[in-house]
C-alpha cells in the first residue's frame, strides 16, 4: 500500500517525516502550503476535517493526530523495531510517554505560550508546567533514550518536539534536554529529513 504524508516542514508533521526515514519505507510527501491556506481547501478537509498536519494516508486508511500517526507507523512496520510489541515489558512505558506528549506536554506548552496559568491541580491535565517538564526530563536523563538503551518512536517524537520548543523559547534548554536533542538530531534519519525538507521548500 502507498504511504502519503501531507506535510509542511514547519509543522508537527516534521517529526513524522523523520519517523518515515527511520523506518526506511517508501512514501510520498505532499507539501501543504499553510501560508496559502491549502489546509482549509475542501479536498484536504475531506481527509482531515480539522485541517491539521500531520495527515497520513496509508492505502485506504487515513490517520490523523500526531501521536496516532507515530503509533500506526511503528506497529505497521514492526521489522524496524521502533515499538515494543504487545506483551513486551517495555510496551507500557512506550505508550505512556507517547501519550504523555499529547495529554500533558502540548497543553502545558500552549498555556505557557499564551501566558495562561494551569487550571487547578484537580482538573489540570498536566498539573503545572514545572511538574510536567520535570517528569519527562527525569525520564530522558536516564538515557540515552526514553526507554533507556532502546531507541523507539517515542524518541522521534520527543527529539523533534523538544528541539522546536526550545528553539522558540517555550521550553528551557536545560543540560539534560540539550544533550538529548543533540543525540536525536545526530541520527541519520533526522539529517535526511532536514535535507529532504529543504529541497521540498526550495522546489515550492
N, C-alpha and C. Protein backbone atom coordinates (compact mmCIF):
# COMPACT_ATOMS: atom_id res chain seq x y z
N UNK A 1 0.84 -1.19 0.00
CA UNK A 1 0.00 0.00 0.00
C UNK A 1 0.87 1.25 0.00
N UNK A 2 0.41 2.29 -0.69
CA UNK A 2 1.17 3.53 -0.79
C UNK A 2 0.97 4.37 0.47
N UNK A 3 2.06 4.99 0.93
CA UNK A 3 2.02 5.90 2.06
C UNK A 3 2.17 7.32 1.53
N UNK A 4 1.26 8.19 1.93
CA UNK A 4 1.33 9.60 1.54
C UNK A 4 1.24 10.45 2.79
N UNK A 5 2.24 11.29 2.99
CA UNK A 5 2.25 12.21 4.12
C UNK A 5 1.93 13.61 3.62
N UNK A 6 0.84 14.16 4.11
CA UNK A 6 0.52 15.57 3.85
C UNK A 6 1.32 16.37 4.87
N UNK A 7 2.15 17.28 4.37
CA UNK A 7 3.30 17.71 5.16
C UNK A 7 3.66 19.16 4.93
N UNK A 8 4.15 19.78 5.98
CA UNK A 8 4.90 21.03 5.85
C UNK A 8 6.03 20.97 6.87
N UNK A 9 7.25 21.31 6.45
CA UNK A 9 8.39 21.19 7.37
C UNK A 9 8.26 22.00 8.64
N UNK A 10 7.48 23.10 8.59
CA UNK A 10 7.31 23.95 9.77
C UNK A 10 6.00 23.65 10.48
N UNK A 11 5.75 22.37 10.65
CA UNK A 11 4.54 21.94 11.35
C UNK A 11 4.85 20.67 12.12
N UNK A 12 3.83 20.14 12.80
CA UNK A 12 4.03 18.91 13.57
C UNK A 12 4.30 17.70 12.70
N UNK A 13 4.13 17.82 11.41
CA UNK A 13 4.42 16.70 10.53
C UNK A 13 5.92 16.50 10.32
N UNK A 14 6.73 17.46 10.78
CA UNK A 14 8.19 17.33 10.60
C UNK A 14 8.71 16.05 11.25
N UNK A 15 8.21 15.73 12.42
CA UNK A 15 8.64 14.52 13.10
C UNK A 15 8.19 13.26 12.40
N UNK A 16 7.03 13.32 11.75
CA UNK A 16 6.54 12.15 11.03
C UNK A 16 7.44 11.85 9.83
N UNK A 17 7.95 12.89 9.19
CA UNK A 17 8.90 12.65 8.09
C UNK A 17 10.14 11.96 8.64
N UNK A 18 10.63 12.38 9.79
CA UNK A 18 11.78 11.71 10.41
C UNK A 18 11.42 10.25 10.69
N UNK A 19 10.23 10.03 11.20
CA UNK A 19 9.78 8.67 11.51
C UNK A 19 9.80 7.80 10.26
N UNK A 20 9.32 8.31 9.16
CA UNK A 20 9.32 7.56 7.91
C UNK A 20 10.74 7.26 7.44
N UNK A 21 11.64 8.21 7.66
CA UNK A 21 13.04 7.98 7.31
C UNK A 21 13.67 6.93 8.23
N UNK A 22 13.32 6.95 9.50
CA UNK A 22 13.80 5.92 10.43
C UNK A 22 13.31 4.54 10.01
N UNK A 23 12.08 4.48 9.54
CA UNK A 23 11.51 3.20 9.11
C UNK A 23 12.14 2.69 7.82
N UNK A 24 12.62 3.62 6.99
CA UNK A 24 13.22 3.22 5.72
C UNK A 24 12.22 2.71 4.71
N UNK A 25 11.00 3.26 4.74
CA UNK A 25 9.95 2.80 3.83
C UNK A 25 9.73 3.84 2.72
N UNK A 26 9.13 3.39 1.65
CA UNK A 26 8.79 4.30 0.56
C UNK A 26 7.55 5.10 0.93
N UNK A 27 7.58 6.38 0.62
CA UNK A 27 6.42 7.23 0.89
C UNK A 27 6.50 8.46 0.00
N UNK A 28 5.38 9.13 -0.12
CA UNK A 28 5.33 10.40 -0.85
C UNK A 28 5.00 11.50 0.14
N UNK A 29 5.74 12.59 0.09
CA UNK A 29 5.44 13.75 0.93
C UNK A 29 4.79 14.81 0.04
N UNK A 30 3.55 15.16 0.36
CA UNK A 30 2.84 16.20 -0.39
C UNK A 30 2.84 17.48 0.43
N UNK A 31 3.45 18.50 -0.11
CA UNK A 31 3.54 19.78 0.58
C UNK A 31 2.16 20.43 0.66
N UNK A 32 1.77 20.81 1.86
CA UNK A 32 0.55 21.58 2.08
C UNK A 32 1.00 23.00 2.41
N UNK A 33 0.69 23.94 1.52
CA UNK A 33 1.12 25.32 1.68
C UNK A 33 0.23 25.99 2.73
N UNK A 34 0.74 26.11 3.94
CA UNK A 34 -0.06 26.66 5.03
C UNK A 34 -0.31 28.15 4.85
N UNK A 35 0.67 28.85 4.29
CA UNK A 35 0.51 30.28 4.07
C UNK A 35 -0.60 30.56 3.05
N UNK A 36 -0.73 29.68 2.07
CA UNK A 36 -1.77 29.83 1.05
C UNK A 36 -3.12 29.28 1.50
N UNK A 37 -3.16 28.68 2.68
CA UNK A 37 -4.42 28.16 3.20
C UNK A 37 -4.86 26.84 2.60
N UNK A 38 -3.90 26.08 2.04
CA UNK A 38 -4.28 24.81 1.41
C UNK A 38 -4.88 23.82 2.41
N UNK A 39 -4.55 23.98 3.68
CA UNK A 39 -5.10 23.08 4.70
C UNK A 39 -6.60 23.29 4.92
N UNK A 40 -7.13 24.38 4.38
CA UNK A 40 -8.57 24.66 4.51
C UNK A 40 -9.36 24.38 3.23
N UNK A 41 -8.68 23.86 2.23
CA UNK A 41 -9.39 23.55 0.99
C UNK A 41 -10.26 22.30 1.17
N UNK A 42 -11.38 22.24 0.44
CA UNK A 42 -12.32 21.12 0.62
C UNK A 42 -11.68 19.75 0.44
N UNK A 43 -10.77 19.61 -0.52
CA UNK A 43 -10.16 18.30 -0.77
C UNK A 43 -9.30 17.84 0.41
N UNK A 44 -8.67 18.81 1.10
CA UNK A 44 -7.88 18.41 2.28
C UNK A 44 -8.80 18.19 3.48
N UNK A 45 -9.81 19.02 3.64
CA UNK A 45 -10.74 18.85 4.75
C UNK A 45 -11.51 17.54 4.65
N UNK A 46 -11.61 16.99 3.44
CA UNK A 46 -12.24 15.68 3.28
C UNK A 46 -11.41 14.59 3.93
N UNK A 47 -10.09 14.82 4.01
CA UNK A 47 -9.20 13.88 4.67
C UNK A 47 -9.13 14.15 6.17
N UNK A 48 -8.97 15.41 6.51
CA UNK A 48 -8.83 15.82 7.91
C UNK A 48 -9.73 17.02 8.15
N UNK A 49 -10.90 16.81 8.73
CA UNK A 49 -11.86 17.91 8.89
C UNK A 49 -11.34 19.08 9.72
N UNK A 50 -10.30 18.86 10.53
CA UNK A 50 -9.75 19.96 11.32
C UNK A 50 -8.69 20.74 10.56
N UNK A 51 -8.32 20.24 9.37
CA UNK A 51 -7.34 20.96 8.56
C UNK A 51 -5.97 21.02 9.19
N UNK A 52 -5.55 19.91 9.80
CA UNK A 52 -4.28 19.89 10.53
C UNK A 52 -3.27 18.94 9.90
N UNK A 53 -2.02 19.22 10.21
CA UNK A 53 -0.91 18.33 9.88
C UNK A 53 -0.33 17.79 11.18
N UNK A 54 0.14 16.53 11.15
CA UNK A 54 0.27 15.62 10.01
C UNK A 54 -1.04 14.92 9.68
N UNK A 55 -1.18 14.58 8.42
CA UNK A 55 -2.24 13.69 7.95
C UNK A 55 -1.56 12.64 7.08
N UNK A 56 -1.76 11.39 7.43
CA UNK A 56 -1.13 10.28 6.72
C UNK A 56 -2.20 9.44 6.04
N UNK A 57 -1.98 9.14 4.77
CA UNK A 57 -2.85 8.21 4.05
C UNK A 57 -2.06 6.94 3.80
N UNK A 58 -2.58 5.85 4.33
CA UNK A 58 -1.94 4.54 4.21
C UNK A 58 -2.92 3.63 3.48
N UNK A 59 -2.79 3.58 2.15
CA UNK A 59 -3.77 2.82 1.37
C UNK A 59 -5.14 3.46 1.49
N UNK A 60 -6.10 2.74 2.04
CA UNK A 60 -7.45 3.26 2.23
C UNK A 60 -7.66 3.85 3.62
N UNK A 61 -6.60 3.88 4.42
CA UNK A 61 -6.71 4.35 5.80
C UNK A 61 -6.13 5.74 5.94
N UNK A 62 -6.88 6.61 6.58
CA UNK A 62 -6.41 7.96 6.88
C UNK A 62 -6.14 8.04 8.38
N UNK A 63 -4.93 8.46 8.73
CA UNK A 63 -4.56 8.59 10.14
C UNK A 63 -4.21 10.04 10.42
N UNK A 64 -4.90 10.63 11.38
CA UNK A 64 -4.60 11.98 11.83
C UNK A 64 -4.24 11.92 13.31
N UNK A 65 -3.86 13.05 13.86
CA UNK A 65 -3.41 13.19 15.25
C UNK A 65 -1.98 12.65 15.36
N UNK A 66 -1.11 13.52 15.74
CA UNK A 66 0.33 13.24 15.68
C UNK A 66 0.72 11.93 16.36
N UNK A 67 0.30 11.74 17.59
CA UNK A 67 0.69 10.52 18.30
C UNK A 67 0.11 9.29 17.65
N UNK A 68 -1.11 9.39 17.14
CA UNK A 68 -1.72 8.25 16.46
C UNK A 68 -0.92 7.86 15.23
N UNK A 69 -0.36 8.83 14.53
CA UNK A 69 0.44 8.53 13.33
C UNK A 69 1.71 7.78 13.73
N UNK A 70 2.36 8.22 14.81
CA UNK A 70 3.54 7.50 15.29
C UNK A 70 3.20 6.06 15.65
N UNK A 71 2.14 5.90 16.41
CA UNK A 71 1.73 4.56 16.84
C UNK A 71 1.41 3.67 15.64
N UNK A 72 0.68 4.24 14.68
CA UNK A 72 0.30 3.47 13.49
C UNK A 72 1.52 3.02 12.71
N UNK A 73 2.43 3.93 12.45
CA UNK A 73 3.60 3.60 11.63
C UNK A 73 4.52 2.60 12.33
N UNK A 74 4.75 2.80 13.62
CA UNK A 74 5.65 1.90 14.35
C UNK A 74 5.11 0.48 14.37
N UNK A 75 3.79 0.33 14.55
CA UNK A 75 3.19 -1.00 14.57
C UNK A 75 2.99 -1.56 13.16
N UNK A 76 2.84 -0.68 12.20
CA UNK A 76 2.65 -1.10 10.80
C UNK A 76 3.92 -1.74 10.24
N UNK A 77 5.07 -1.26 10.72
CA UNK A 77 6.36 -1.76 10.24
C UNK A 77 7.18 -2.28 11.42
N UNK A 78 6.77 -3.38 12.02
CA UNK A 78 7.43 -3.88 13.23
C UNK A 78 8.87 -4.29 13.00
N UNK A 79 9.22 -4.62 11.76
CA UNK A 79 10.59 -5.06 11.47
C UNK A 79 11.61 -3.95 11.76
N UNK A 80 11.17 -2.70 11.81
CA UNK A 80 12.09 -1.60 12.10
C UNK A 80 12.44 -1.52 13.58
N UNK A 81 11.66 -2.17 14.42
CA UNK A 81 11.97 -2.22 15.84
C UNK A 81 11.76 -0.93 16.60
N UNK A 82 10.87 -0.07 16.11
CA UNK A 82 10.66 1.23 16.77
C UNK A 82 9.53 1.21 17.79
N UNK A 83 8.93 0.05 18.01
CA UNK A 83 7.88 -0.08 19.02
C UNK A 83 8.00 -1.42 19.71
N UNK A 84 8.01 -1.45 21.04
CA UNK A 84 7.95 -2.73 21.73
C UNK A 84 6.63 -3.43 21.37
N UNK A 85 6.70 -4.71 21.11
CA UNK A 85 5.50 -5.45 20.73
C UNK A 85 4.55 -5.59 21.92
N UNK A 86 3.27 -5.87 21.62
CA UNK A 86 2.31 -6.16 22.68
C UNK A 86 2.84 -7.37 23.47
N UNK A 87 2.87 -7.22 24.77
CA UNK A 87 3.43 -8.26 25.63
C UNK A 87 4.85 -7.99 26.07
N UNK A 88 5.54 -7.11 25.35
CA UNK A 88 6.89 -6.71 25.74
C UNK A 88 6.79 -5.89 27.03
N UNK A 89 7.64 -6.14 28.03
CA UNK A 89 7.58 -5.38 29.28
C UNK A 89 7.73 -3.87 29.10
N UNK A 90 8.37 -3.44 28.00
CA UNK A 90 8.58 -2.01 27.78
C UNK A 90 7.41 -1.34 27.07
N UNK A 91 6.42 -2.13 26.65
CA UNK A 91 5.31 -1.57 25.88
C UNK A 91 4.54 -0.51 26.67
N UNK A 92 4.30 -0.76 27.95
CA UNK A 92 3.54 0.20 28.75
C UNK A 92 4.25 1.54 28.88
N UNK A 93 5.55 1.51 29.14
CA UNK A 93 6.31 2.75 29.25
C UNK A 93 6.35 3.48 27.91
N UNK A 94 6.50 2.74 26.85
CA UNK A 94 6.50 3.31 25.49
C UNK A 94 5.19 4.06 25.23
N UNK A 95 4.07 3.41 25.51
CA UNK A 95 2.77 4.05 25.30
C UNK A 95 2.60 5.25 26.23
N UNK A 96 3.04 5.08 27.45
CA UNK A 96 2.91 6.17 28.42
C UNK A 96 3.54 7.46 27.90
N UNK A 97 4.80 7.37 27.44
CA UNK A 97 5.50 8.59 27.09
C UNK A 97 5.08 9.15 25.74
N UNK A 98 4.57 8.32 24.86
CA UNK A 98 3.97 8.86 23.63
C UNK A 98 2.71 9.65 23.95
N UNK A 99 1.82 9.06 24.74
CA UNK A 99 0.55 9.71 25.07
C UNK A 99 0.78 10.91 25.98
N UNK A 100 1.79 10.86 26.82
CA UNK A 100 2.13 11.98 27.71
C UNK A 100 2.38 13.25 26.90
N UNK A 101 2.98 13.08 25.74
CA UNK A 101 3.24 14.23 24.89
C UNK A 101 1.93 14.97 24.57
N UNK A 102 0.91 14.22 24.11
CA UNK A 102 -0.33 14.85 23.69
C UNK A 102 -1.20 15.28 24.88
N UNK A 103 -1.20 14.48 25.94
CA UNK A 103 -2.12 14.75 27.03
C UNK A 103 -1.58 15.75 28.05
N UNK A 104 -0.26 15.88 28.14
CA UNK A 104 0.34 16.76 29.15
C UNK A 104 1.25 17.84 28.55
N UNK A 105 2.21 17.41 27.72
CA UNK A 105 3.21 18.35 27.21
C UNK A 105 2.58 19.44 26.35
N UNK A 106 1.82 19.06 25.34
CA UNK A 106 1.25 20.08 24.44
C UNK A 106 0.31 21.03 25.17
N UNK A 107 -0.63 20.55 26.01
CA UNK A 107 -1.47 21.51 26.72
C UNK A 107 -0.67 22.48 27.59
N UNK A 108 0.38 21.96 28.23
CA UNK A 108 1.20 22.83 29.08
C UNK A 108 1.95 23.87 28.26
N UNK A 109 2.50 23.46 27.14
CA UNK A 109 3.25 24.39 26.28
C UNK A 109 2.32 25.44 25.69
N UNK A 110 1.13 25.04 25.28
CA UNK A 110 0.17 26.00 24.73
C UNK A 110 -0.21 27.03 25.79
N UNK A 111 -0.53 26.56 26.99
CA UNK A 111 -0.87 27.50 28.07
C UNK A 111 0.28 28.47 28.33
N UNK A 112 1.49 27.94 28.36
CA UNK A 112 2.66 28.78 28.63
C UNK A 112 2.86 29.80 27.51
N UNK A 113 2.69 29.38 26.27
CA UNK A 113 2.90 30.30 25.14
C UNK A 113 1.86 31.42 25.14
N UNK A 114 0.67 31.13 25.63
CA UNK A 114 -0.41 32.13 25.70
C UNK A 114 -0.42 32.87 27.03
N UNK A 115 0.60 32.57 27.86
CA UNK A 115 0.72 33.21 29.17
C UNK A 115 -0.50 32.94 30.05
N UNK A 116 -1.01 31.72 29.93
CA UNK A 116 -2.11 31.30 30.79
C UNK A 116 -1.56 30.36 31.85
N UNK A 117 -2.01 30.52 33.06
CA UNK A 117 -1.63 29.59 34.10
C UNK A 117 -2.41 28.30 33.98
N UNK A 118 -1.94 27.23 34.62
CA UNK A 118 -2.68 25.97 34.56
C UNK A 118 -3.96 26.05 35.37
N UNK A 119 -4.86 25.15 35.09
CA UNK A 119 -6.07 25.03 35.90
C UNK A 119 -5.70 24.49 37.27
N UNK A 120 -6.65 24.45 38.15
CA UNK A 120 -6.40 23.87 39.47
C UNK A 120 -5.88 22.44 39.31
N UNK A 121 -4.95 22.00 40.17
CA UNK A 121 -4.36 20.66 40.02
C UNK A 121 -5.37 19.54 39.90
N UNK A 122 -6.52 19.69 40.54
CA UNK A 122 -7.51 18.60 40.49
C UNK A 122 -8.14 18.43 39.12
N UNK A 123 -8.05 19.45 38.27
CA UNK A 123 -8.65 19.35 36.94
C UNK A 123 -7.65 19.58 35.81
N UNK A 124 -6.44 20.03 36.13
CA UNK A 124 -5.44 20.27 35.09
C UNK A 124 -4.96 18.95 34.51
N UNK A 125 -4.86 18.84 33.19
CA UNK A 125 -4.36 17.59 32.61
C UNK A 125 -2.88 17.35 32.86
N UNK A 126 -2.16 18.42 33.24
CA UNK A 126 -0.71 18.27 33.39
C UNK A 126 -0.21 18.77 34.75
N UNK A 127 -1.08 19.08 35.67
CA UNK A 127 -0.75 19.62 37.00
C UNK A 127 -0.20 21.03 36.87
N UNK A 128 1.10 21.20 36.63
CA UNK A 128 1.69 22.51 36.38
C UNK A 128 2.89 22.30 35.47
N UNK A 129 3.37 23.38 34.86
CA UNK A 129 4.40 23.26 33.83
C UNK A 129 5.67 22.60 34.36
N UNK A 130 6.15 23.05 35.51
CA UNK A 130 7.41 22.51 36.03
C UNK A 130 7.29 21.03 36.36
N UNK A 131 6.16 20.62 36.91
CA UNK A 131 5.96 19.20 37.21
C UNK A 131 5.92 18.38 35.92
N UNK A 132 5.22 18.92 34.93
CA UNK A 132 5.11 18.23 33.64
C UNK A 132 6.49 18.04 33.01
N UNK A 133 7.27 19.13 32.94
CA UNK A 133 8.57 19.04 32.28
C UNK A 133 9.54 18.20 33.11
N UNK A 134 9.44 18.30 34.41
CA UNK A 134 10.32 17.53 35.27
C UNK A 134 10.17 16.03 35.08
N UNK A 135 8.95 15.59 34.79
CA UNK A 135 8.71 14.16 34.61
C UNK A 135 9.40 13.63 33.37
N UNK A 136 9.25 14.32 32.24
CA UNK A 136 9.89 13.82 31.02
C UNK A 136 11.39 14.04 31.08
N UNK A 137 11.84 15.10 31.74
CA UNK A 137 13.28 15.33 31.86
C UNK A 137 13.93 14.22 32.69
N UNK A 138 13.27 13.81 33.75
CA UNK A 138 13.81 12.71 34.57
C UNK A 138 13.89 11.42 33.77
N UNK A 139 12.92 11.22 32.86
CA UNK A 139 12.90 10.00 32.05
C UNK A 139 14.06 9.99 31.05
N UNK A 140 14.29 11.09 30.37
CA UNK A 140 15.34 11.10 29.35
C UNK A 140 16.73 11.20 30.00
N UNK A 141 16.80 11.69 31.23
CA UNK A 141 18.09 11.77 31.91
C UNK A 141 18.67 10.38 32.17
N UNK A 142 17.78 9.38 32.30
CA UNK A 142 18.25 8.00 32.50
C UNK A 142 18.99 7.53 31.27
N UNK A 143 18.55 7.98 30.12
CA UNK A 143 19.14 7.85 28.81
C UNK A 143 19.73 6.49 28.43
N UNK A 144 20.26 6.49 27.23
CA UNK A 144 20.30 7.64 26.32
C UNK A 144 18.95 7.97 25.66
N UNK A 145 17.98 7.04 25.78
CA UNK A 145 16.69 7.22 25.11
C UNK A 145 15.55 7.14 26.12
N UNK A 146 14.36 7.42 25.66
CA UNK A 146 13.19 7.40 26.55
C UNK A 146 13.05 6.05 27.23
N UNK A 147 13.32 4.97 26.50
CA UNK A 147 13.22 3.63 27.06
C UNK A 147 14.57 3.10 27.53
N UNK A 148 15.50 3.99 27.80
CA UNK A 148 16.82 3.56 28.24
C UNK A 148 17.74 3.31 27.06
N UNK A 149 18.18 2.07 26.91
CA UNK A 149 19.10 1.74 25.82
C UNK A 149 18.38 1.55 24.48
N UNK A 150 17.07 1.49 24.51
CA UNK A 150 16.30 1.16 23.31
C UNK A 150 15.74 2.41 22.66
N UNK A 151 16.17 2.70 21.44
CA UNK A 151 15.61 3.81 20.66
C UNK A 151 14.25 3.39 20.12
N UNK A 152 13.28 4.30 20.17
CA UNK A 152 11.93 3.97 19.72
C UNK A 152 11.27 5.17 19.07
N UNK A 153 10.06 4.96 18.59
CA UNK A 153 9.29 6.06 18.01
C UNK A 153 9.10 7.19 19.01
N UNK A 154 9.09 6.87 20.29
CA UNK A 154 8.95 7.92 21.31
C UNK A 154 10.09 8.93 21.22
N UNK A 155 11.26 8.48 20.84
CA UNK A 155 12.41 9.39 20.72
C UNK A 155 12.32 10.26 19.47
N UNK A 156 11.71 9.74 18.42
CA UNK A 156 11.48 10.59 17.25
C UNK A 156 10.55 11.73 17.63
N UNK A 157 9.49 11.40 18.33
CA UNK A 157 8.52 12.42 18.77
C UNK A 157 9.17 13.43 19.72
N UNK A 158 9.80 12.93 20.78
CA UNK A 158 10.35 13.84 21.79
C UNK A 158 11.57 14.60 21.27
N UNK A 159 12.38 13.96 20.45
CA UNK A 159 13.52 14.66 19.89
C UNK A 159 13.09 15.82 19.02
N UNK A 160 12.05 15.61 18.24
CA UNK A 160 11.52 16.67 17.39
C UNK A 160 10.84 17.75 18.22
N UNK A 161 10.00 17.34 19.15
CA UNK A 161 9.21 18.29 19.94
C UNK A 161 10.10 19.17 20.82
N UNK A 162 11.06 18.57 21.49
CA UNK A 162 11.93 19.36 22.36
C UNK A 162 12.84 20.27 21.55
N UNK A 163 13.21 19.84 20.36
CA UNK A 163 14.04 20.68 19.50
C UNK A 163 13.32 21.97 19.14
N UNK A 164 12.08 21.85 18.65
CA UNK A 164 11.41 23.08 18.20
C UNK A 164 10.91 23.92 19.36
N UNK A 165 10.51 23.31 20.46
CA UNK A 165 10.01 24.12 21.58
C UNK A 165 11.14 24.87 22.29
N UNK A 166 12.33 24.29 22.32
CA UNK A 166 13.46 25.04 22.90
C UNK A 166 13.91 26.14 21.95
N UNK A 167 13.86 25.89 20.66
CA UNK A 167 14.25 26.93 19.69
C UNK A 167 13.37 28.17 19.82
N UNK A 168 12.08 27.96 20.13
CA UNK A 168 11.15 29.07 20.26
C UNK A 168 11.04 29.59 21.70
N UNK A 169 11.87 29.05 22.58
CA UNK A 169 11.87 29.53 23.95
C UNK A 169 10.67 29.10 24.76
N UNK A 170 9.95 28.11 24.29
CA UNK A 170 8.77 27.63 25.01
C UNK A 170 9.13 26.65 26.11
N UNK A 171 10.29 26.02 25.96
CA UNK A 171 10.81 25.06 26.94
C UNK A 171 12.25 25.43 27.23
N UNK A 172 12.66 25.46 28.48
CA UNK A 172 14.05 25.80 28.79
C UNK A 172 15.01 24.73 28.30
N UNK A 173 16.13 25.15 27.73
CA UNK A 173 17.13 24.21 27.22
C UNK A 173 18.09 23.85 28.35
N UNK A 174 17.64 22.98 29.23
CA UNK A 174 18.48 22.52 30.32
C UNK A 174 19.58 21.61 29.76
N UNK A 175 20.64 21.36 30.50
CA UNK A 175 21.68 20.46 30.00
C UNK A 175 21.15 19.08 29.61
N UNK A 176 20.22 18.55 30.39
CA UNK A 176 19.66 17.23 30.07
C UNK A 176 18.91 17.26 28.75
N UNK A 177 18.08 18.28 28.58
CA UNK A 177 17.30 18.40 27.35
C UNK A 177 18.22 18.68 26.16
N UNK A 178 19.20 19.55 26.33
CA UNK A 178 20.13 19.87 25.24
C UNK A 178 20.88 18.63 24.78
N UNK A 179 21.37 17.83 25.72
CA UNK A 179 22.10 16.61 25.35
C UNK A 179 21.20 15.63 24.61
N UNK A 180 19.96 15.51 25.06
CA UNK A 180 19.02 14.59 24.41
C UNK A 180 18.72 15.06 22.98
N UNK A 181 18.49 16.33 22.81
CA UNK A 181 18.24 16.87 21.47
C UNK A 181 19.42 16.58 20.55
N UNK A 182 20.62 16.80 21.04
CA UNK A 182 21.81 16.56 20.23
C UNK A 182 21.92 15.10 19.81
N UNK A 183 21.58 14.18 20.72
CA UNK A 183 21.63 12.75 20.38
C UNK A 183 20.63 12.42 19.28
N UNK A 184 19.44 12.95 19.40
CA UNK A 184 18.43 12.63 18.38
C UNK A 184 18.76 13.28 17.04
N UNK A 185 19.16 14.55 17.07
CA UNK A 185 19.42 15.26 15.83
C UNK A 185 20.62 14.70 15.07
N UNK A 186 21.50 14.01 15.76
CA UNK A 186 22.67 13.43 15.11
C UNK A 186 22.36 12.16 14.34
N UNK A 187 21.17 11.61 14.53
CA UNK A 187 20.83 10.37 13.84
C UNK A 187 20.66 10.62 12.34
N UNK A 188 21.08 9.67 11.50
CA UNK A 188 20.98 9.86 10.05
C UNK A 188 19.58 10.20 9.56
N UNK A 189 18.55 9.60 10.15
CA UNK A 189 17.18 9.87 9.69
C UNK A 189 16.79 11.32 9.91
N UNK A 190 17.21 11.90 11.02
CA UNK A 190 16.92 13.32 11.27
C UNK A 190 17.63 14.18 10.25
N UNK A 191 18.87 13.84 9.93
CA UNK A 191 19.63 14.61 8.95
C UNK A 191 19.02 14.49 7.56
N UNK A 192 18.61 13.27 7.18
CA UNK A 192 17.98 13.09 5.86
C UNK A 192 16.69 13.89 5.77
N UNK A 193 15.90 13.87 6.82
CA UNK A 193 14.63 14.59 6.80
C UNK A 193 14.86 16.09 6.62
N UNK A 194 15.88 16.63 7.27
CA UNK A 194 16.19 18.05 7.10
C UNK A 194 16.55 18.37 5.66
N UNK A 195 17.36 17.51 5.06
CA UNK A 195 17.77 17.74 3.68
C UNK A 195 16.58 17.65 2.73
N UNK A 196 15.74 16.66 2.94
CA UNK A 196 14.56 16.49 2.10
C UNK A 196 13.60 17.66 2.24
N UNK A 197 13.45 18.13 3.46
CA UNK A 197 12.55 19.26 3.69
C UNK A 197 13.09 20.54 3.06
N UNK A 198 14.38 20.74 3.13
CA UNK A 198 14.98 21.91 2.49
C UNK A 198 14.75 21.87 0.99
N UNK A 199 14.91 20.70 0.39
CA UNK A 199 14.67 20.56 -1.05
C UNK A 199 13.20 20.78 -1.38
N UNK A 200 12.31 20.27 -0.52
CA UNK A 200 10.87 20.41 -0.75
C UNK A 200 10.48 21.89 -0.77
N UNK A 201 10.97 22.65 0.18
CA UNK A 201 10.65 24.07 0.25
C UNK A 201 11.29 24.84 -0.90
N UNK A 202 12.50 24.43 -1.29
CA UNK A 202 13.18 25.13 -2.39
C UNK A 202 12.45 24.93 -3.71
N UNK A 203 11.80 23.79 -3.85
CA UNK A 203 11.12 23.48 -5.11
C UNK A 203 9.70 24.05 -5.15
N UNK A 204 9.22 24.54 -4.02
CA UNK A 204 7.82 25.03 -3.96
C UNK A 204 7.66 26.35 -4.70
